[in-house]
Amino acid sequence: MANSKEVRNQIASIGNTQKITSAMEKVAASKMKKTEVRMAKGRPYRERMLEVISHLANGQPEYKPTYMDEREVKNVAIIVVTSDKGLCGGLNANLLRQVTRFTKELSEEGKQVSFCLIGTKGRAFFKSYGGRIISATEKLGDAPSIEELLGAIKVLLDSFVEGEVDKIYLASNKFVNTMSQNPTVEQLVPLVREETEQKSQHWDYLYEPDDSRVILDGLMSRYIESLVYQGVVENIACEQAAKMVAMKSATDNAGDLIEELQLVYNNARQAAITQELSEIVAGAAAL
């Protein structure tokens, strides 16, 4: 049995770790709330932009927008959004597992797959996994700006316009609630035409120059950028939620371990006291 001093040192060490994990849990909870606010602010922008795009597209049904061009799929690009840091449970592992499974299905169909990586964990994974990497962006922080993502997104959109890529997917974690985050792989480009609710009043735009097609393609480009940005922000919310849960579990486990060690310490201390009493009694009897 370990002596009382060793057990006492272990209890102190685990207690220090428990304080760290508890503090990290509180920090993650605070960051998650801020990211949820950022997510909520982005939704009205996307919804309004989609409404405008749908109105313009329905106004000239004979025109096929550039980013709605359906063609034979030979080359596929996947934007993979992961976190920059760890300590968030199986969040990144679950997403990367789904991406590799989806990549295998595409490869078996004879399609060439390339990747656009956002996040340090994804870059580290594909460094060993392999694959054609078009671009890699990392260290965006907890409050990324869309300007930091524009370069990587533009490379993919240009590749789609030039015919080098036929379809683009976005792989990221969807925030359901604090306890649930779903890894998803969704089609990003070509955009799917969505039916919007027809309003009673009629409204239209004045164009300068008089070319609504250029404006429509430009709006779609901005809309795609907003979808990627929203995916990154939502993934950060998932990261903080997963980290909060993981740190809470670590804090609770540390508490359980301290209780077990405290019992071992009490037993060791009692055994030492008993031994000392026995030695005193034996010495008194010898006199």
Protein backbone atom coordinates (compact mmCIF):
# COMPACT_ATOMS: atom_id res chain seq x y z
CA MET A 1 0.00 0.00 0.00
CA ALA A 2 1.27 3.49 -0.88
CA ASN A 3 2.27 5.62 2.07
CA SER A 4 0.15 8.57 3.11
CA LYS A 5 2.57 11.18 1.74
CA GLU A 6 2.45 9.74 -1.81
CA VAL A 7 -1.34 9.57 -1.73
CA ARG A 8 -1.54 13.13 -0.40
CA ASN A 9 0.66 14.34 -3.29
CA GLN A 10 -1.57 12.53 -5.79
CA ILE A 11 -4.68 14.14 -4.31
CA ALA A 12 -3.09 17.59 -4.56
CA SER A 13 -2.02 16.98 -8.17
CA ILE A 14 -5.46 15.77 -9.27
CA GLY A 15 -7.06 18.69 -7.40
CA ASN A 16 -4.97 21.13 -9.44
CA THR A 17 -6.00 19.38 -12.66
CA GLN A 18 -9.63 19.55 -11.57
CA LYS A 19 -9.36 23.32 -11.12
CA ILE A 20 -7.95 23.67 -14.65
CA THR A 21 -10.66 21.54 -16.28
CA SER A 22 -13.37 23.38 -14.34
CA ALA A 23 -12.01 26.73 -15.55
CA MET A 24 -11.83 25.44 -19.15
CA GLU A 25 -15.44 24.28 -18.90
CA LYS A 26 -16.57 27.78 -17.89
CA VAL A 27 -14.51 29.41 -20.65
CA ALA A 28 -15.97 27.05 -23.27
CA ALA A 29 -19.51 27.79 -22.06
CA SER A 30 -18.89 31.54 -22.37
CA LYS A 31 -17.42 31.21 -25.88
CA MET A 32 -20.26 28.95 -26.99
CA LYS A 33 -22.88 31.56 -26.03
CA LYS A 34 -21.02 34.24 -27.98
CA THR A 35 -20.77 31.97 -31.02
CA GLU A 36 -24.49 31.17 -30.82
CA VAL A 37 -25.21 34.90 -31.03
CA ARG A 38 -22.94 35.15 -34.08
CA MET A 39 -24.78 32.23 -35.69
CA ALA A 40 -28.16 33.83 -35.08
CA LYS A 41 -27.02 37.11 -36.64
CA GLY A 42 -25.96 35.37 -39.87
CA ARG A 43 -29.24 33.59 -40.54
CA PRO A 44 -31.37 36.66 -41.53
CA TYR A 45 -28.66 37.74 -44.02
CA ARG A 46 -28.67 34.33 -45.73
CA GLU A 47 -32.44 34.07 -45.78
CA ARG A 48 -32.88 37.53 -47.29
CA MET A 49 -30.16 36.91 -49.88
CA LEU A 50 -31.78 33.60 -50.85
CA GLU A 51 -35.10 35.39 -51.26
CA VAL A 52 -33.53 37.96 -53.61
CA ILE A 53 -31.68 35.28 -55.60
CA SER A 54 -34.84 33.19 -55.98
CA HIS A 55 -36.80 36.26 -57.16
CA LEU A 56 -34.17 37.13 -59.77
CA ALA A 57 -33.87 33.53 -60.96
CA ASN A 58 -37.65 33.10 -61.27
CA GLY A 59 -37.82 36.39 -63.18
CA GLN A 60 -35.77 34.95 -66.05
CA PRO A 61 -36.28 31.17 -66.14
CA GLU A 62 -34.57 30.87 -69.54
CA TYR A 63 -31.18 31.76 -68.00
CA LYS A 64 -29.21 29.01 -66.27
CA PRO A 65 -27.08 30.67 -63.55
CA THR A 66 -23.41 29.73 -63.47
CA TYR A 67 -23.56 28.19 -60.00
CA MET A 68 -26.63 26.09 -60.86
CA ASP A 69 -24.96 24.39 -63.80
CA GLU A 70 -25.59 20.64 -63.52
CA ARG A 71 -23.16 18.50 -65.51
CA GLU A 72 -21.58 15.06 -65.53
CA VAL A 73 -19.64 14.68 -62.30
CA LYS A 74 -16.03 13.61 -62.72
CA ASN A 75 -14.19 15.82 -60.23
CA VAL A 76 -15.48 16.57 -56.73
CA ALA A 77 -14.15 18.98 -54.12
CA ILE A 78 -14.97 18.77 -50.42
CA ILE A 79 -14.57 21.66 -48.00
CA VAL A 80 -13.68 20.05 -44.66
CA VAL A 81 -14.21 22.25 -41.58
CA THR A 82 -12.49 21.11 -38.37
CA SER A 83 -11.31 22.81 -35.20
CA ASP A 84 -7.86 24.30 -34.61
CA LYS A 85 -7.55 22.84 -31.11
CA GLY A 86 -8.33 19.57 -29.40
CA LEU A 87 -9.89 18.61 -26.05
CA CYS A 88 -13.34 18.47 -27.68
CA GLY A 89 -14.08 14.77 -27.48
CA GLY A 90 -14.78 12.92 -30.72
CA LEU A 91 -16.03 15.98 -32.62
CA ASN A 92 -13.29 16.04 -35.27
CA ALA A 93 -12.87 12.25 -35.40
CA ASN A 94 -16.57 11.70 -36.14
CA LEU A 95 -16.57 14.27 -38.95
CA LEU A 96 -13.34 12.99 -40.53
CA ARG A 97 -14.65 9.43 -40.34
CA GLN A 98 -17.74 10.47 -42.30
CA VAL A 99 -15.63 12.40 -44.83
CA THR A 100 -13.34 9.41 -45.48
CA ARG A 101 -16.37 7.13 -45.86
CA PHE A 102 -17.94 9.55 -48.35
CA THR A 103 -14.63 9.92 -50.20
CA LYS A 104 -14.35 6.15 -50.54
CA GLU A 105 -17.84 5.99 -52.06
CA LEU A 106 -16.95 8.70 -54.59
CA SER A 107 -13.67 6.98 -55.48
CA GLU A 108 -15.45 3.68 -56.07
CA GLU A 109 -17.73 5.52 -58.53
CA GLY A 110 -14.66 6.64 -60.47
CA LYS A 111 -14.70 10.27 -59.34
CA GLN A 112 -11.58 12.27 -58.51
CA VAL A 113 -11.76 13.90 -55.07
CA SER A 114 -9.85 16.95 -53.83
CA PHE A 115 -10.05 18.79 -50.54
CA CYS A 116 -10.20 22.35 -49.23
CA LEU A 117 -9.22 22.24 -45.55
CA ILE A 118 -10.30 24.71 -42.88
CA GLY A 119 -8.84 24.01 -39.44
CA THR A 120 -5.56 22.66 -38.06
CA LYS A 121 -6.96 19.24 -37.11
CA GLY A 122 -8.12 18.56 -40.66
CA ARG A 123 -4.75 19.54 -42.10
CA ALA A 124 -2.93 17.27 -39.65
CA PHE A 125 -5.25 14.37 -40.52
CA PHE A 126 -4.91 14.68 -44.29
CA LYS A 127 -1.14 15.01 -43.97
CA SER A 128 -1.11 11.32 -43.08
CA TYR A 129 -4.31 10.28 -44.90
CA GLY A 130 -3.20 11.71 -48.25
CA GLY A 131 -5.34 13.17 -51.01
CA ARG A 132 -5.17 16.20 -53.30
CA ILE A 133 -5.27 19.38 -51.23
CA ILE A 134 -6.40 22.50 -53.11
CA SER A 135 -6.05 24.92 -50.20
CA ALA A 136 -5.64 24.93 -46.43
CA THR A 137 -6.69 27.60 -43.96
CA GLU A 138 -6.09 27.39 -40.22
CA LYS A 139 -5.82 29.37 -36.98
CA LEU A 140 -8.96 31.42 -37.59
CA GLY A 141 -9.59 31.86 -33.87
CA ASP A 142 -12.91 31.92 -32.04
CA ALA A 143 -14.29 34.88 -34.02
CA PRO A 144 -13.27 34.35 -37.68
CA SER A 145 -13.98 36.92 -40.36
CA ILE A 146 -15.30 36.00 -43.80
CA GLU A 147 -12.31 37.80 -45.36
CA GLU A 148 -10.05 35.04 -44.03
CA LEU A 149 -12.04 32.46 -45.98
CA LEU A 150 -12.54 34.31 -49.28
CA GLY A 151 -9.26 33.13 -50.82
CA ALA A 152 -9.99 29.43 -50.35
CA ILE A 153 -13.62 29.79 -51.46
CA LYS A 154 -12.68 31.77 -54.59
CA VAL A 155 -10.20 29.08 -55.65
CA LEU A 156 -12.99 26.48 -55.55
CA LEU A 157 -15.59 28.67 -57.28
CA ASP A 158 -13.15 29.54 -60.05
CA SER A 159 -12.39 25.84 -60.48
CA PHE A 160 -16.13 25.15 -60.80
CA VAL A 161 -16.64 27.94 -63.36
CA GLU A 162 -13.66 26.72 -65.42
CA GLY A 163 -14.92 23.12 -65.35
CA GLU A 164 -12.06 21.73 -63.28
CA VAL A 165 -14.51 20.79 -60.49
CA ASP A 166 -18.04 19.57 -61.20
CA LYS A 167 -19.47 19.49 -57.69
CA ILE A 168 -18.52 20.98 -54.31
CA TYR A 169 -19.54 19.64 -50.90
CA LEU A 170 -19.31 21.21 -47.45
CA ALA A 171 -18.40 18.89 -44.55
CA SER A 172 -18.87 20.37 -41.08
CA ASN A 173 -20.57 19.80 -37.73
CA LYS A 174 -24.14 21.04 -37.32
CA PHE A 175 -25.03 22.52 -33.96
CA VAL A 176 -28.21 20.92 -32.58
CA ASN A 177 -27.82 21.70 -28.89
CA THR A 178 -25.17 21.61 -26.18
CA MET A 179 -25.21 17.82 -25.98
CA SER A 180 -25.63 17.03 -29.68
CA GLN A 181 -23.55 17.94 -32.73
CA ASN A 182 -24.13 16.19 -36.05
CA PRO A 183 -21.33 15.72 -38.62
CA THR A 184 -22.80 16.35 -42.09
CA VAL A 185 -21.66 16.41 -45.71
CA GLU A 186 -23.94 18.59 -47.85
CA GLN A 187 -23.88 19.67 -51.48
CA LEU A 188 -22.80 23.28 -51.81
CA VAL A 189 -22.39 23.79 -55.57
CA PRO A 190 -24.25 23.56 -57.89
CA LEU A 191 -26.94 25.30 -55.90
CA VAL A 192 -30.36 23.69 -55.90
CA ARG A 193 -33.20 25.95 -57.00
CA GLU A 194 -35.56 26.47 -54.06
CA GLU A 195 -39.20 27.41 -54.31
CA THR A 196 -39.95 30.51 -52.25
CA GLU A 197 -43.30 31.62 -50.97
CA GLN A 198 -45.01 33.90 -53.46
CA LYS A 199 -45.95 37.25 -51.97
CA SER A 200 -49.09 39.15 -52.88
CA GLN A 201 -47.23 42.32 -53.88
CA HIS A 202 -45.03 42.51 -56.96
CA TRP A 203 -41.55 44.02 -56.69
CA ASP A 204 -38.63 44.34 -59.02
CA TYR A 205 -35.18 45.93 -59.29
CA LEU A 206 -33.52 48.53 -61.47
CA TYR A 207 -30.16 47.34 -62.82
CA GLU A 208 -27.11 49.43 -63.63
CA PRO A 209 -25.70 48.32 -65.98
CA ASP A 210 -28.75 46.60 -67.45
CA ASP A 211 -27.59 43.02 -66.96
CA SER A 212 -29.32 41.09 -64.21
CA ARG A 213 -27.38 37.92 -65.08
CA VAL A 214 -24.10 39.37 -63.85
CA ILE A 215 -25.81 40.54 -60.67
CA LEU A 216 -27.43 37.12 -60.16
CA ASP A 217 -24.11 35.27 -60.47
CA GLY A 218 -22.48 37.80 -58.12
CA LEU A 219 -25.20 37.34 -55.52
CA MET A 220 -24.90 33.56 -55.75
CA SER A 221 -21.17 33.84 -55.18
CA ARG A 222 -21.80 35.91 -52.02
CA TYR A 223 -24.48 33.46 -50.92
CA ILE A 224 -22.08 30.51 -51.23
CA GLU A 225 -19.48 32.44 -49.23
CA SER A 226 -22.06 33.07 -46.51
CA LEU A 227 -22.92 29.34 -46.39
CA VAL A 228 -19.27 28.41 -45.86
CA TYR A 229 -18.82 31.13 -43.25
CA GLN A 230 -21.94 29.97 -41.42
CA GLY A 231 -20.59 26.42 -41.49
CA VAL A 232 -17.32 27.57 -39.92
CA VAL A 233 -19.11 29.58 -37.20
CA GLU A 234 -21.46 26.68 -36.47
CA ASN A 235 -18.50 24.30 -36.25
CA ILE A 236 -16.88 26.60 -33.66
CA ALA A 237 -20.10 26.49 -31.61
CA CYS A 238 -19.97 22.68 -31.83
CA GLU A 239 -16.32 22.72 -30.75
CA GLN A 240 -17.04 24.82 -27.66
CA ALA A 241 -20.09 22.72 -26.74
CA ALA A 242 -18.11 19.49 -27.10
CA LYS A 243 -15.21 20.98 -25.14
CA MET A 244 -17.57 22.12 -22.37
CA VAL A 245 -19.03 18.61 -22.07
CA ALA A 246 -15.58 16.99 -22.17
CA MET A 247 -14.18 19.30 -19.49
CA LYS A 248 -17.23 18.76 -17.27
CA SER A 249 -16.74 15.01 -17.57
CA ALA A 250 -13.02 15.40 -16.74
CA THR A 251 -13.86 17.57 -13.72
CA ASP A 252 -16.39 15.02 -12.43
CA ASN A 253 -13.97 12.14 -12.98
CA ALA A 254 -11.25 14.02 -11.08
CA GLY A 255 -13.67 14.48 -8.19
CA ASP A 256 -14.46 10.75 -8.12
CA LEU A 257 -10.76 9.91 -8.21
CA ILE A 258 -10.03 12.31 -5.35
CA GLU A 259 -12.73 10.62 -3.25
CA GLU A 260 -11.20 7.20 -3.91
CA LEU A 261 -7.70 8.44 -3.07
CA GLN A 262 -9.00 10.14 0.07
CA LEU A 263 -10.30 6.76 1.23
CA VAL A 264 -6.92 5.15 0.46
CA TYR A 265 -5.20 7.98 2.33
CA ASN A 266 -7.42 7.50 5.39
CA ASN A 267 -6.74 3.76 5.38
CA ALA A 268 -2.97 4.30 5.06
CA ARG A 269 -3.03 6.90 7.85
CA GLN A 270 -5.07 4.59 10.08
CA ALA A 271 -2.66 1.72 9.41
CA ALA A 272 0.33 3.93 10.29
CA ILE A 273 -1.31 5.07 13.56
CA THR A 274 -2.18 1.48 14.46
CA GLN A 275 1.39 0.40 13.81
CA GLU A 276 2.77 3.22 15.99
CA LEU A 277 0.40 2.29 18.85
CA SER A 278 1.45 -1.34 18.57
CA GLU A 279 5.11 -0.36 18.79
CA ILE A 280 4.44 1.84 21.84
CA VAL A 281 2.52 -0.94 23.61
CA ALA A 282 5.22 -3.47 22.77
CA GLY A 283 7.90 -1.13 24.10
CA ALA A 284 5.96 -0.51 27.34
CA ALA A 285 5.50 -4.24 27.84
CA ALA A 286 9.21 -4.83 27.38
CA LEU A 287 9.94 -2.42 30.22
